[in-house]
Structures are given as structure tokens and as C-alpha cells.
C-alpha atoms as a PDB file:
ATOM      1  CA  UNK A   1     -58.241 -20.013  -0.825  1.00  0.00           C
ATOM      2  CA  UNK A   2     -59.907 -17.478   1.481  1.00  0.00           C
ATOM      3  CA  UNK A   3     -57.973 -15.807   4.274  1.00  0.00           C
ATOM      4  CA  UNK A   4     -58.750 -13.797   7.389  1.00  0.00           C
ATOM      5  CA  UNK A   5     -56.047 -11.526   8.805  1.00  0.00           C
ATOM      6  CA  UNK A   6     -56.168  -9.885  12.199  1.00  0.00           C
ATOM      7  CA  UNK A   7     -53.603  -7.151  12.777  1.00  0.00           C
ATOM      8  CA  UNK A   8     -52.529  -4.351  15.075  1.00  0.00           C
ATOM      9  CA  UNK A   9     -49.952  -1.626  14.639  1.00  0.00           C
ATOM     10  CA  UNK A  10     -47.992  -0.036  17.449  1.00  0.00           C
ATOM     11  CA  UNK A  11     -47.202   2.166  19.286  1.00  0.00           C
ATOM     12  CA  UNK A  12     -50.719   2.782  20.584  1.00  0.00           C
ATOM     13  CA  UNK A  13     -52.098   6.250  21.196  1.00  0.00           C
ATOM     14  CA  UNK A  14     -55.565   6.353  22.733  1.00  0.00           C
ATOM     15  CA  UNK A  15     -55.902  10.131  22.332  1.00  0.00           C
ATOM     16  CA  UNK A  16     -55.370  10.299  18.583  1.00  0.00           C
ATOM     17  CA  UNK A  17     -54.896   7.734  15.834  1.00  0.00           C
ATOM     18  CA  UNK A  18     -51.179   7.660  14.970  1.00  0.00           C
ATOM     19  CA  UNK A  19     -50.095   8.057  11.354  1.00  0.00           C
ATOM     20  CA  UNK A  20     -49.240   4.353  10.997  1.00  0.00           C
ATOM     21  CA  UNK A  21     -52.750   3.359  12.109  1.00  0.00           C
ATOM     22  CA  UNK A  22     -54.350   5.796   9.671  1.00  0.00           C
ATOM     23  CA  UNK A  23     -52.192   4.461   6.834  1.00  0.00           C
ATOM     24  CA  UNK A  24     -53.053   0.846   7.724  1.00  0.00           C
ATOM     25  CA  UNK A  25     -56.761   1.692   7.662  1.00  0.00           C
ATOM     26  CA  UNK A  26     -56.430   3.451   4.300  1.00  0.00           C
ATOM     27  CA  UNK A  27     -54.578   0.478   2.801  1.00  0.00           C
ATOM     28  CA  UNK A  28     -57.156  -2.121   3.797  1.00  0.00           C
ATOM     29  CA  UNK A  29     -60.143   0.072   2.942  1.00  0.00           C
ATOM     30  CA  UNK A  30     -58.740   0.667  -0.562  1.00  0.00           C
ATOM     31  CA  UNK A  31     -57.943  -3.013  -1.170  1.00  0.00           C
ATOM     32  CA  UNK A  32     -60.280  -5.376  -3.000  1.00  0.00           C
ATOM     33  CA  UNK A  33     -61.288  -7.298   0.115  1.00  0.00           C
ATOM     34  CA  UNK A  34     -64.616  -8.903   1.007  1.00  0.00           C
ATOM     35  CA  UNK A  35     -64.734  -7.650   4.600  1.00  0.00           C
ATOM     36  CA  UNK A  36     -62.866  -4.982   6.567  1.00  0.00           C
ATOM     37  CA  UNK A  37     -63.415  -4.312  10.268  1.00  0.00           C
ATOM     38  CA  UNK A  38     -61.217  -1.546  11.702  1.00  0.00           C
ATOM     39  CA  UNK A  39     -61.228  -0.821  15.426  1.00  0.00           C
ATOM     40  CA  UNK A  40     -59.108   0.877  18.081  1.00  0.00           C
ATOM     41  CA  UNK A  41     -57.595  -2.354  19.437  1.00  0.00           C
ATOM     42  CA  UNK A  42     -57.516  -4.623  16.411  1.00  0.00           C
ATOM     43  CA  UNK A  43     -58.467  -4.939  12.791  1.00  0.00           C
ATOM     44  CA  UNK A  44     -59.742  -7.806  10.666  1.00  0.00           C
ATOM     45  CA  UNK A  45     -59.855  -8.255   6.907  1.00  0.00           C
ATOM     46  CA  UNK A  46     -61.106 -11.143   4.764  1.00  0.00           C
ATOM     47  CA  UNK A  47     -60.920 -12.068   1.132  1.00  0.00           C
ATOM     48  CA  UNK A  48     -59.281 -14.173  -1.521  1.00  0.00           C
ATOM     49  CA  UNK A  49     -55.661 -15.085  -0.879  1.00  0.00           C
ATOM     50  CA  UNK A  50     -54.201 -12.873  -3.622  1.00  0.00           C
ATOM     51  CA  UNK A  51     -56.104  -9.773  -2.499  1.00  0.00           C
ATOM     52  CA  UNK A  52     -55.350 -10.344   1.177  1.00  0.00           C
ATOM     53  CA  UNK A  53     -51.655 -11.031   0.642  1.00  0.00           C
ATOM     54  CA  UNK A  54     -51.291  -7.994  -1.616  1.00  0.00           C
ATOM     55  CA  UNK A  55     -52.995  -5.840   1.025  1.00  0.00           C
ATOM     56  CA  UNK A  56     -50.784  -7.266   3.799  1.00  0.00           C
ATOM     57  CA  UNK A  57     -47.640  -6.459   1.794  1.00  0.00           C
ATOM     58  CA  UNK A  58     -48.776  -2.845   1.338  1.00  0.00           C
ATOM     59  CA  UNK A  59     -49.931  -2.649   4.959  1.00  0.00           C
ATOM     60  CA  UNK A  60     -46.532  -3.744   6.288  1.00  0.00           C
ATOM     61  CA  UNK A  61     -44.503  -1.481   4.021  1.00  0.00           C
ATOM     62  CA  UNK A  62     -46.632   1.644   4.401  1.00  0.00           C
ATOM     63  CA  UNK A  63     -47.254   1.292   8.141  1.00  0.00           C
ATOM     64  CA  UNK A  64     -43.544   0.883   8.847  1.00  0.00           C
ATOM     65  CA  UNK A  65     -42.777   3.894   6.655  1.00  0.00           C
ATOM     66  CA  UNK A  66     -45.383   5.867   8.643  1.00  0.00           C
ATOM     67  CA  UNK A  67     -43.738   5.102  11.988  1.00  0.00           C
ATOM     68  CA  UNK A  68     -45.036   1.746  13.206  1.00  0.00           C
ATOM     69  CA  UNK A  69     -42.519   0.071  15.485  1.00  0.00           C
ATOM     70  CA  UNK A  70     -44.397  -3.223  15.717  1.00  0.00           C
ATOM     71  CA  UNK A  71     -47.053  -4.905  13.597  1.00  0.00           C
ATOM     72  CA  UNK A  72     -48.723  -8.066  14.829  1.00  0.00           C
ATOM     73  CA  UNK A  73     -50.466 -10.339  12.327  1.00  0.00           C
ATOM     74  CA  UNK A  74     -52.470 -13.508  12.526  1.00  0.00           C
ATOM     75  CA  UNK A  75     -53.421 -15.207   9.257  1.00  0.00           C
ATOM     76  CA  UNK A  76     -56.110 -17.908   9.112  1.00  0.00           C
ATOM     77  CA  UNK A  77     -57.342 -19.980   6.195  1.00  0.00           C
ATOM     78  CA  UNK A  78     -61.136 -19.730   6.396  1.00  0.00           C
ATOM     79  CA  UNK A  79     -62.116 -21.610   3.280  1.00  0.00           C
ATOM     80  CA  UNK A  80     -61.350 -22.789  -0.183  1.00  0.00           C
ATOM     81  CA  UNK A  81     -62.799 -21.229  -3.271  1.00  0.00           C
ATOM     82  CA  UNK A  82     -62.256 -19.233  -6.391  1.00  0.00           C
ATOM     83  CA  UNK A  83     -59.979 -16.248  -6.271  1.00  0.00           C
END
């Protein structure tokens, strides 16, 4: 199964990327994902289910530890296929 996850971390700071946003970016960029798009108002990652779910677990844990007070996620199945 292939998944696409869109996520944001809060609180927002338009002047400087907060620590939780930096950590979230580092987590998804280091993960074994097929596509990563990081932006100021939302982020998208795609890949096999195992890789995406592992990255989401790390993203949630590390972003909360770094000060996120809210993390919004949307998970979509985008296809079937080999892991």
C-alpha cells in the first residue's frame, strides 16, 4: 500500500522556523520516503505504508518533544503495490 500524508505543526512562527518544525522536516527528510515536499504552511510525504507510518510515529514523538502544541495529519491511500 502507498500512502500520502499531509501535516502541519503548530504553533506557527512566520519570522523563524520553530524547533518543532525543524525537527519535523529533519525526520521526514531522513526517512526512506519516495517524495517529501516541505513548505511554510504544510508538508507532504509519500511512500510505502511501512516507511510512511514509521516516519509519522517519529514525527509525532519528536515534534511534540520539541514543543509542538498541535499536529494536524491527513493520511490518504494513493495506491497499492509492493512495500
